[in-house]
Structures are given as C-alpha cells and as structure tokens.
N, C-alpha and C. Protein backbone atom coordinates (compact mmCIF):
# COMPACT_ATOMS: atom_id res chain seq x y z
N MET A 1 30.74 -17.67 67.84
CA MET A 1 29.90 -18.03 68.92
C MET A 1 29.23 -19.50 68.93
N ALA A 2 28.81 -19.95 67.75
CA ALA A 2 28.12 -21.13 67.64
C ALA A 2 29.05 -22.29 67.91
N GLY A 3 30.29 -22.16 67.66
CA GLY A 3 31.49 -23.35 67.84
C GLY A 3 31.67 -23.40 69.35
N LYS A 4 31.62 -22.21 70.16
CA LYS A 4 31.73 -22.29 71.63
C LYS A 4 30.60 -23.02 72.32
N ASN A 5 29.47 -22.83 71.79
CA ASN A 5 28.24 -23.27 72.32
C ASN A 5 28.08 -24.74 72.11
N ASP A 6 28.53 -25.25 70.86
CA ASP A 6 28.48 -26.68 70.52
C ASP A 6 29.35 -27.39 71.34
N LYS A 7 30.61 -26.72 71.74
CA LYS A 7 31.71 -27.53 72.65
C LYS A 7 30.94 -27.58 73.97
N THR A 8 30.44 -26.57 74.44
CA THR A 8 29.69 -26.59 75.76
C THR A 8 28.74 -27.78 75.92
N LYS A 9 27.91 -27.91 74.91
CA LYS A 9 26.87 -28.94 74.71
C LYS A 9 27.39 -30.33 74.64
N ARG A 10 28.47 -30.46 73.88
CA ARG A 10 29.14 -31.69 73.80
C ARG A 10 29.69 -32.16 75.24
N GLU A 11 30.43 -31.30 76.03
CA GLU A 11 31.05 -31.57 77.20
C GLU A 11 29.90 -31.97 78.10
N ASN A 12 28.79 -31.29 78.06
CA ASN A 12 27.67 -31.59 79.01
C ASN A 12 27.11 -32.98 78.80
N ALA A 13 26.98 -33.34 77.35
CA ALA A 13 26.54 -34.53 77.06
C ALA A 13 27.48 -35.65 77.51
N ILE A 14 28.76 -35.43 77.46
CA ILE A 14 29.83 -36.33 78.10
C ILE A 14 29.60 -36.59 79.47
N ARG A 15 29.48 -35.49 80.17
CA ARG A 15 29.53 -35.54 81.44
C ARG A 15 28.10 -36.24 81.89
N ARG A 16 27.04 -36.06 81.19
CA ARG A 16 25.70 -36.62 81.60
C ARG A 16 25.92 -37.91 81.32
N PHE A 17 26.56 -38.41 80.13
CA PHE A 17 26.68 -39.88 79.97
C PHE A 17 27.51 -40.53 80.97
N PHE A 18 28.47 -40.16 81.43
CA PHE A 18 29.13 -40.69 82.68
C PHE A 18 28.44 -40.68 83.95
N ARG A 19 27.78 -39.58 84.26
CA ARG A 19 27.06 -39.55 85.44
C ARG A 19 25.86 -40.63 85.38
N GLU A 20 25.15 -40.68 84.26
CA GLU A 20 24.03 -41.77 84.18
C GLU A 20 24.62 -43.16 84.26
N THR A 21 25.82 -43.44 83.45
CA THR A 21 26.42 -44.70 83.62
C THR A 21 26.87 -45.15 84.97
N ILE A 22 27.37 -44.22 85.80
CA ILE A 22 27.75 -44.39 87.21
C ILE A 22 26.52 -44.78 88.05
N GLY A 23 25.50 -43.98 87.68
CA GLY A 23 24.23 -44.19 88.45
C GLY A 23 23.64 -45.48 88.15
N GLU A 24 23.78 -46.07 86.84
CA GLU A 24 23.16 -47.35 86.52
C GLU A 24 24.03 -48.54 87.12
N LEU A 25 25.41 -48.22 87.15
CA LEU A 25 26.26 -49.36 87.68
C LEU A 25 26.14 -49.52 89.17
N ARG A 26 25.61 -48.34 89.85
CA ARG A 26 25.43 -48.59 91.25
C ARG A 26 24.10 -49.45 91.59
N LYS A 27 23.20 -49.48 90.57
CA LYS A 27 21.96 -50.35 90.77
C LYS A 27 22.16 -51.85 90.46
N VAL A 28 23.31 -52.15 89.98
CA VAL A 28 23.66 -53.54 89.48
C VAL A 28 23.84 -54.40 90.70
N HIS A 29 23.29 -55.61 90.62
CA HIS A 29 23.67 -56.50 91.74
C HIS A 29 24.75 -57.31 91.35
N TRP A 30 25.98 -57.03 91.76
CA TRP A 30 27.28 -57.72 91.62
C TRP A 30 27.22 -58.99 92.40
N PRO A 31 27.62 -60.18 91.69
CA PRO A 31 27.72 -61.35 92.35
C PRO A 31 28.90 -61.54 93.35
N THR A 32 28.56 -62.34 94.38
CA THR A 32 29.67 -62.47 95.41
C THR A 32 30.74 -63.46 94.59
N TRP A 33 31.99 -63.73 95.35
CA TRP A 33 32.88 -64.59 94.59
C TRP A 33 32.33 -65.95 94.62
N PRO A 34 31.76 -66.44 95.56
CA PRO A 34 31.20 -67.90 95.55
C PRO A 34 30.15 -68.04 94.21
N GLU A 35 29.32 -67.01 94.18
CA GLU A 35 28.27 -66.97 93.01
C GLU A 35 29.00 -66.99 91.73
N ALA A 36 29.96 -66.18 91.69
CA ALA A 36 30.62 -66.05 90.10
C ALA A 36 31.46 -67.34 90.02
N ARG A 37 32.01 -67.77 91.03
CA ARG A 37 32.77 -69.14 90.90
C ARG A 37 31.79 -70.29 90.24
N ARG A 38 30.79 -70.30 91.01
CA ARG A 38 29.59 -71.39 90.60
C ARG A 38 29.12 -71.25 89.23
N LEU A 39 28.73 -69.94 88.91
CA LEU A 39 28.29 -69.61 87.56
C LEU A 39 29.29 -69.84 86.61
N THR A 40 30.71 -69.54 86.91
CA THR A 40 31.62 -69.77 85.86
C THR A 40 31.86 -71.28 85.59
N ILE A 41 31.74 -72.13 86.61
CA ILE A 41 31.86 -73.54 86.52
C ILE A 41 30.53 -74.00 85.59
N ILE A 42 29.48 -73.49 85.89
CA ILE A 42 28.37 -73.85 85.09
C ILE A 42 28.58 -73.66 83.63
N VAL A 43 29.00 -72.42 83.34
CA VAL A 43 29.25 -72.02 81.98
C VAL A 43 30.34 -72.96 81.26
N ILE A 44 31.38 -73.23 81.86
CA ILE A 44 32.52 -74.11 81.45
C ILE A 44 31.74 -75.44 81.11
N ILE A 45 31.04 -76.03 82.09
CA ILE A 45 30.32 -77.36 81.89
C ILE A 45 29.49 -77.41 80.54
N VAL A 46 28.57 -76.35 80.56
CA VAL A 46 27.72 -76.18 79.19
C VAL A 46 28.52 -76.12 77.90
N VAL A 47 29.56 -75.36 77.98
CA VAL A 47 30.47 -75.16 76.90
C VAL A 47 31.07 -76.55 76.41
N VAL A 48 31.54 -77.37 77.36
CA VAL A 48 32.05 -78.66 77.21
C VAL A 48 31.07 -79.57 76.70
N ILE A 49 29.82 -79.58 77.18
CA ILE A 49 28.81 -80.42 76.65
C ILE A 49 28.50 -80.09 75.35
N MET A 50 28.30 -78.79 75.04
CA MET A 50 27.79 -78.34 73.70
C MET A 50 28.99 -78.73 72.70
N SER A 51 30.30 -78.54 73.11
CA SER A 51 31.35 -78.85 72.19
C SER A 51 31.23 -80.29 71.69
N LEU A 52 30.97 -81.04 72.75
CA LEU A 52 31.10 -82.58 72.46
C LEU A 52 29.69 -83.01 71.50
N PHE A 53 28.77 -82.30 72.04
CA PHE A 53 27.51 -82.61 71.01
C PHE A 53 27.82 -82.10 69.46
N LEU A 54 28.20 -80.84 69.33
CA LEU A 54 28.43 -80.41 67.97
C LEU A 54 29.64 -81.38 67.32
N TRP A 55 30.49 -81.81 68.09
CA TRP A 55 31.59 -82.76 67.50
C TRP A 55 30.91 -84.02 67.06
N LEU A 56 30.10 -84.54 67.89
CA LEU A 56 29.27 -85.72 67.38
C LEU A 56 28.45 -85.61 66.23
N VAL A 57 27.74 -84.46 66.16
CA VAL A 57 26.79 -84.18 64.99
C VAL A 57 27.78 -83.97 63.70
N ASP A 58 28.72 -83.27 63.99
CA ASP A 58 29.71 -83.17 62.80
C ASP A 58 30.25 -84.53 62.36
N GLU A 59 30.74 -85.32 63.28
CA GLU A 59 31.21 -86.68 62.85
C GLU A 59 30.15 -87.55 62.21
N ILE A 60 28.91 -87.54 62.62
CA ILE A 60 27.62 -88.16 61.97
C ILE A 60 27.50 -87.61 60.41
N ALA A 61 27.41 -86.20 60.52
CA ALA A 61 27.12 -85.65 59.08
C ALA A 61 28.27 -86.03 58.13
N VAL A 62 29.52 -86.01 58.56
CA VAL A 62 30.65 -86.45 57.65
C VAL A 62 30.48 -87.98 57.12
N LYS A 63 30.11 -88.85 58.22
CA LYS A 63 29.97 -90.20 57.80
C LYS A 63 28.77 -90.32 56.78
N LEU A 64 27.73 -89.64 57.02
CA LEU A 64 26.50 -89.69 56.31
C LEU A 64 26.76 -89.13 54.88
N LEU A 65 27.56 -87.98 54.73
CA LEU A 65 28.06 -87.37 53.47
C LEU A 65 28.88 -88.34 52.73
N VAL A 66 29.81 -88.93 53.35
CA VAL A 66 30.76 -89.97 52.82
C VAL A 66 29.84 -91.13 52.18
N LEU A 67 28.85 -91.61 52.83
CA LEU A 67 28.06 -92.69 52.39
C LEU A 67 27.18 -92.13 51.15
N ALA A 68 26.70 -90.97 51.32
CA ALA A 68 25.95 -90.41 50.14
C ALA A 68 26.82 -90.32 48.85
N ILE A 69 27.93 -89.81 48.98
CA ILE A 69 28.66 -89.57 47.92
C ILE A 69 29.26 -90.84 47.40
N GLY A 70 29.68 -91.70 48.23
CA GLY A 70 30.18 -93.07 47.96
C GLY A 70 31.74 -92.94 47.68
N ALA A 71 32.43 -92.10 48.51
CA ALA A 71 33.77 -91.84 48.21
C ALA A 71 34.50 -92.88 49.09
C-alpha cells in the first residue's frame, strides 16, 4: 500500500512542478526581436572590450615578471 501512495505523491509533485513552471514562464517579459538583437550586440561589445583589457593586463604582467626574474 505504501508504495502505491508514494508513487501517487511523486506524480502529483511532478505535475505541480510543471504547472508552477508554466505559470512562472507566463509572467516572464520576453524581449522583442529588436530588443534581443540590441542586447546581444551590447554583450558582444562588452566581451570584446573585456577580452582586450585582460589580454593587455596579461601582457603587462608577463613583461613585469620577465623584468623581475631577469630572464
């Protein structure tokens, strides 16, 4: 008897999870295509700028380390 009851509770928990998930997804403000495109471009620009910055910091650190070690 206990095994059947556990299975029913598990199925109800799974159904409740999906029902609540769908309810939350309906509340989400989905961006329009122009908004998504604009935000994607902003992210790409920030990633490129940060990559260049980190590359520059790495190059400076390597040069300082070479100077400190004297190699």
